[in-house]
Protein backbone atom coordinates (compact mmCIF):
# COMPACT_ATOMS: atom_id res chain seq x y z
CA UNK A 1 80.22 -170.97 -32.25
CA UNK A 2 80.11 -167.53 -30.38
CA UNK A 3 76.54 -166.11 -31.03
CA UNK A 4 77.69 -162.69 -31.50
CA UNK A 5 80.20 -164.07 -34.44
CA UNK A 6 77.42 -165.98 -36.70
CA UNK A 7 74.97 -162.19 -36.03
CA UNK A 8 78.64 -160.42 -37.89
CA UNK A 9 79.39 -163.31 -40.11
CA UNK A 10 75.36 -162.57 -41.26
CA UNK A 11 75.91 -159.02 -40.92
CA UNK A 12 78.59 -158.98 -43.50
CA UNK A 13 77.27 -161.23 -46.61
CA UNK A 14 74.36 -159.64 -47.81
CA UNK A 15 73.49 -162.33 -49.77
CA UNK A 16 70.83 -163.34 -53.12
CA UNK A 17 68.78 -166.93 -53.70
CA UNK A 18 69.82 -168.45 -57.00
CA UNK A 19 66.68 -168.44 -58.26
CA UNK A 20 67.05 -164.65 -58.71
CA UNK A 21 66.31 -164.34 -62.25
CA UNK A 22 68.22 -161.78 -64.98
CA UNK A 23 67.55 -162.03 -69.29
CA UNK A 24 69.82 -160.30 -71.57
CA UNK A 25 68.99 -160.30 -75.26
CA UNK A 26 70.57 -159.76 -78.19
CA UNK A 27 67.38 -158.62 -80.30
CA UNK A 28 68.04 -158.31 -84.26
CA UNK A 29 68.26 -154.69 -84.20
CA UNK A 30 71.54 -155.30 -82.27
CA UNK A 31 70.03 -153.70 -79.41
CA UNK A 32 70.91 -155.41 -75.53
CA UNK A 33 67.94 -155.85 -73.57
CA UNK A 34 68.15 -156.59 -70.32
CA UNK A 35 65.16 -157.24 -67.56
CA UNK A 36 66.36 -158.03 -63.61
CA UNK A 37 63.48 -158.55 -61.26
CA UNK A 38 64.90 -156.73 -57.88
CA UNK A 39 64.44 -159.85 -55.35
CA UNK A 40 67.41 -160.25 -53.00
CA UNK A 41 66.81 -163.36 -50.12
CA UNK A 42 68.51 -163.85 -47.23
CA UNK A 43 69.89 -167.87 -47.27
CA UNK A 44 71.46 -167.86 -44.38
CA UNK A 45 69.19 -166.38 -41.85
CA UNK A 46 66.52 -168.95 -41.40
CA UNK A 47 64.71 -166.15 -38.93
CA UNK A 48 62.35 -164.49 -40.97
CA UNK A 49 61.83 -166.78 -44.16
CA UNK A 50 59.74 -163.84 -45.79
CA UNK A 51 62.53 -161.14 -45.30
CA UNK A 52 63.80 -159.78 -48.64
CA UNK A 53 65.03 -156.74 -49.94
CA UNK A 54 64.35 -154.60 -53.36
CA UNK A 55 67.59 -154.23 -55.16
CA UNK A 56 68.80 -153.29 -58.18
CA UNK A 57 71.25 -156.13 -60.11
CA UNK A 58 71.93 -153.94 -63.68
CA UNK A 59 74.86 -151.74 -63.32
CA UNK A 60 77.94 -150.07 -64.56
CA UNK A 61 81.00 -148.30 -65.44
CA UNK A 62 81.13 -145.80 -68.15
CA UNK A 63 80.38 -147.63 -71.10
CA UNK A 64 80.17 -151.04 -70.36
CA UNK A 65 77.17 -152.81 -68.03
CA UNK A 66 77.17 -156.07 -66.06
CA UNK A 67 73.93 -157.39 -64.39
CA UNK A 68 74.81 -160.05 -61.26
CA UNK A 69 73.11 -162.43 -59.27
CA UNK A 70 74.47 -164.89 -56.54
CA UNK A 71 75.50 -165.64 -53.78
CA UNK A 72 77.16 -162.53 -51.77
CA UNK A 73 75.55 -160.13 -54.72
CA UNK A 74 77.67 -157.04 -53.01
CA UNK A 75 80.49 -158.60 -53.48
CA UNK A 76 80.37 -159.55 -56.92
CA UNK A 77 79.14 -156.14 -57.38
CA UNK A 78 81.98 -154.36 -55.81
CA UNK A 79 83.85 -156.57 -57.50
CA UNK A 80 82.65 -155.92 -61.21
CA UNK A 81 83.27 -152.07 -60.66
CA UNK A 82 86.85 -152.26 -59.01
CA UNK A 83 88.07 -154.42 -61.66
CA UNK A 84 85.81 -152.16 -64.35
CA UNK A 85 87.33 -148.48 -63.15
CA UNK A 86 91.50 -150.15 -62.62
CA UNK A 87 91.45 -151.40 -66.32
CA UNK A 88 90.21 -149.92 -69.57
CA UNK A 89 90.21 -153.21 -71.26
CA UNK A 90 87.80 -155.38 -70.75
CA UNK A 91 89.48 -159.07 -71.25
CA UNK A 92 91.64 -157.37 -68.36
CA UNK A 93 88.66 -155.76 -66.68
CA UNK A 94 87.49 -159.70 -66.80
CA UNK A 95 90.92 -161.34 -64.96
CA UNK A 96 90.86 -159.07 -62.54
CA UNK A 97 87.72 -159.38 -62.12
CA UNK A 98 87.82 -163.08 -61.67
CA UNK A 99 90.76 -163.74 -59.28
CA UNK A 100 89.00 -160.98 -57.14
CA UNK A 101 86.23 -163.35 -57.11
CA UNK A 102 87.64 -166.86 -56.88
CA UNK A 103 89.59 -165.28 -53.40
CA UNK A 104 87.01 -163.54 -52.39
CA UNK A 105 84.80 -166.82 -52.24
CA UNK A 106 87.75 -169.06 -51.43
CA UNK A 107 87.42 -167.36 -48.14
CA UNK A 108 83.49 -166.82 -48.14
CA UNK A 109 83.01 -171.09 -48.90
CA UNK A 110 85.86 -171.93 -46.23
CA UNK A 111 83.23 -169.63 -43.40
CA UNK A 112 80.14 -171.91 -44.55
CA UNK A 113 82.11 -175.27 -44.45
CA UNK A 114 83.34 -174.13 -40.65
CA UNK A 115 79.32 -171.90 -39.33
CA UNK A 116 76.99 -173.29 -41.49
CA UNK A 117 78.23 -176.41 -42.70
CA UNK A 118 74.70 -177.67 -43.28
CA UNK A 119 74.08 -174.85 -46.29
CA UNK A 120 77.12 -176.12 -47.89
CA UNK A 121 75.10 -178.82 -49.94
CA UNK A 122 73.63 -175.89 -52.16
CA UNK A 123 76.35 -174.02 -52.89
CA UNK A 124 78.12 -177.30 -54.50
CA UNK A 125 74.63 -178.15 -56.45
CA UNK A 126 73.90 -174.75 -57.89
CA UNK A 127 77.17 -173.15 -58.07
CA UNK A 128 78.20 -169.29 -56.43
CA UNK A 129 77.19 -166.31 -58.63
CA UNK A 130 76.49 -165.94 -62.37
CA UNK A 131 77.54 -162.58 -63.91
CA UNK A 132 76.87 -160.87 -66.85
CA UNK A 133 78.95 -157.82 -68.37
CA UNK A 134 77.83 -156.48 -71.91
CA UNK A 135 78.76 -153.31 -74.06
CA UNK A 136 79.52 -151.98 -77.33
CA UNK A 137 83.17 -152.79 -78.71
CA UNK A 138 83.53 -151.24 -82.63
CA UNK A 139 79.53 -150.70 -82.61
CA UNK A 140 78.54 -154.48 -82.10
CA UNK A 141 77.39 -156.38 -79.46
CA UNK A 142 79.11 -158.55 -76.54
CA UNK A 143 77.91 -160.14 -74.57
CA UNK A 144 80.64 -162.44 -72.04
CA UNK A 145 79.38 -164.41 -68.90
CA UNK A 146 81.46 -165.55 -66.00
CA UNK A 147 80.32 -168.21 -63.80
CA UNK A 148 81.54 -169.62 -60.23
CA UNK A 149 81.25 -172.82 -58.82
CA UNK A 150 83.04 -174.93 -56.06
CA UNK A 151 83.67 -178.50 -55.56
CA UNK A 152 84.39 -180.44 -52.51
CA UNK A 153 87.80 -182.41 -52.86
CA UNK A 154 88.74 -185.09 -50.32
CA UNK A 155 87.03 -181.97 -48.51
CA UNK A 156 89.03 -179.16 -48.89
CA UNK A 157 87.12 -176.52 -50.86
CA UNK A 158 87.99 -175.47 -54.60
CA UNK A 159 86.15 -172.30 -56.33
CA UNK A 160 86.97 -172.75 -60.32
CA UNK A 161 84.87 -170.07 -62.76
CA UNK A 162 84.60 -170.18 -66.02
CA UNK A 163 84.10 -167.16 -68.82
CA UNK A 164 81.99 -167.75 -72.06
CA UNK A 165 80.99 -165.63 -75.36
CA UNK A 166 77.10 -165.24 -75.15
CA UNK A 167 76.13 -165.38 -78.79
CA UNK A 168 72.37 -163.27 -78.04
CA UNK A 169 70.75 -164.46 -75.17
CA UNK A 170 71.26 -165.90 -72.26
CA UNK A 171 69.42 -166.06 -68.45
CA UNK A 172 71.34 -165.62 -64.91
CA UNK A 173 70.67 -167.36 -61.85
CA UNK A 174 68.12 -169.42 -63.03
CA UNK A 175 66.68 -173.66 -61.63
CA UNK A 176 65.41 -175.09 -65.23
CA UNK A 177 62.04 -173.67 -64.70
CA UNK A 178 62.63 -171.52 -67.60
CA UNK A 179 64.58 -174.51 -69.32
CA UNK A 180 62.04 -177.03 -68.92
CA UNK A 181 59.26 -174.81 -69.94
CA UNK A 182 56.06 -175.79 -71.66
CA UNK A 183 56.07 -174.31 -75.07
CA UNK A 184 52.59 -171.95 -74.56
CA UNK A 185 54.27 -171.17 -71.57
CA UNK A 186 57.38 -168.69 -73.04
CA UNK A 187 56.62 -165.46 -74.93
CA UNK A 188 56.33 -166.99 -79.19
CA UNK A 189 58.64 -165.82 -81.34
CA UNK A 190 56.55 -163.16 -82.95
CA UNK A 191 57.39 -161.58 -79.28
CA UNK A 192 60.91 -162.13 -79.42
CA UNK A 193 61.46 -160.49 -82.70
CA UNK A 194 59.01 -158.16 -82.61
CA UNK A 195 59.10 -156.49 -79.07
CA UNK A 196 61.94 -157.57 -77.60
CA UNK A 197 61.67 -155.52 -74.27
CA UNK A 198 58.75 -157.14 -73.70
CA UNK A 199 60.34 -160.71 -74.43
CA UNK A 200 62.62 -159.95 -71.55
CA UNK A 201 60.94 -159.37 -69.13
CA UNK A 202 58.46 -162.10 -69.52
CA UNK A 203 60.72 -164.66 -69.14
CA UNK A 204 61.87 -163.06 -66.29
CA UNK A 205 58.00 -162.95 -65.47
CA UNK A 206 57.61 -166.42 -65.80
CA UNK A 207 60.14 -167.60 -63.38
CA UNK A 208 58.70 -165.21 -61.10
CA UNK A 209 55.28 -167.45 -61.69
CA UNK A 210 57.11 -170.10 -60.85
CA UNK A 211 59.27 -169.06 -57.59
CA UNK A 212 57.22 -166.06 -56.33
CA UNK A 213 59.44 -166.58 -52.91
CA UNK A 214 62.81 -166.40 -54.89
CA UNK A 215 62.09 -163.90 -57.36
CA UNK A 216 59.42 -161.04 -57.70
CA UNK A 217 58.41 -157.99 -59.58
CA UNK A 218 59.26 -155.10 -59.44
CA UNK A 219 61.48 -155.91 -62.47
CA UNK A 220 63.52 -153.79 -63.98
CA UNK A 221 63.88 -152.98 -67.78
CA UNK A 222 66.83 -151.64 -70.18
CA UNK A 223 67.50 -151.15 -74.09
CA UNK A 224 71.66 -150.58 -74.43
CA UNK A 225 72.25 -149.13 -77.61
CA UNK A 226 75.57 -148.55 -79.41
CA UNK A 227 75.33 -144.77 -78.55
CA UNK A 228 73.67 -145.39 -74.81
CA UNK A 229 71.59 -146.66 -72.75
CA UNK A 230 68.12 -146.13 -71.38
CA UNK A 231 65.59 -147.29 -68.94
CA UNK A 232 62.51 -148.37 -70.34
CA UNK A 233 62.32 -149.46 -66.65
CA UNK A 234 64.00 -148.68 -63.13
CA UNK A 235 63.36 -148.25 -59.94
CA UNK A 236 64.43 -146.83 -56.63
CA UNK A 237 68.16 -147.48 -56.03
CA UNK A 238 67.78 -147.53 -52.18
CA UNK A 239 67.44 -151.23 -51.22
CA UNK A 240 63.50 -150.99 -50.02
CA UNK A 241 63.56 -153.69 -46.49
CA UNK A 242 60.74 -156.20 -46.70
């Protein structure tokens, strides 16, 4: 493969590992609390294992917010922003987003299969992307999660997606660390009910403790209410390259 083409491909693919951690929770007060780690790692760049960026993973277009996790997170963010900007109805926006990302991921995976075949297995196992759209409709909280996966069928790549309604809690982009955590490792019920912002923050901190090279502080923390959003913690939006 041409070396220049390899470098161009890497430069055009801002990537994040799937271990990135974003916790979204609808508390008993009806508010939506979101905690997100800010680490972006580079899956295709093996030259420096310690290279990462600090970015914000929580975004919004008008009153609709979304959190992004997965491969080519910049592509996910751009597609979500475009879909929400062009569609006032959230269901139409979701359809447009899924259509655009399916085509986008099809192309990206074909490039991976051709130029980085040794990396393909991780995508087949871990999936591609996980995005949540959240906000309020008629004063009620609504969270919709979109998951993109890829499979190999007779050496041909197929991109699939699933849209599901989240009842009250979801965690994006994690390994099974939180699901398999011992009870004493998880924040207790009193924290969940009485301090929901701390609850989602502690979930992200748990994943960061278990996988510090993929998930790390600082943690962005957002409280979304029917009348608007409050950033409890927010870092500089400009990416800081380490």
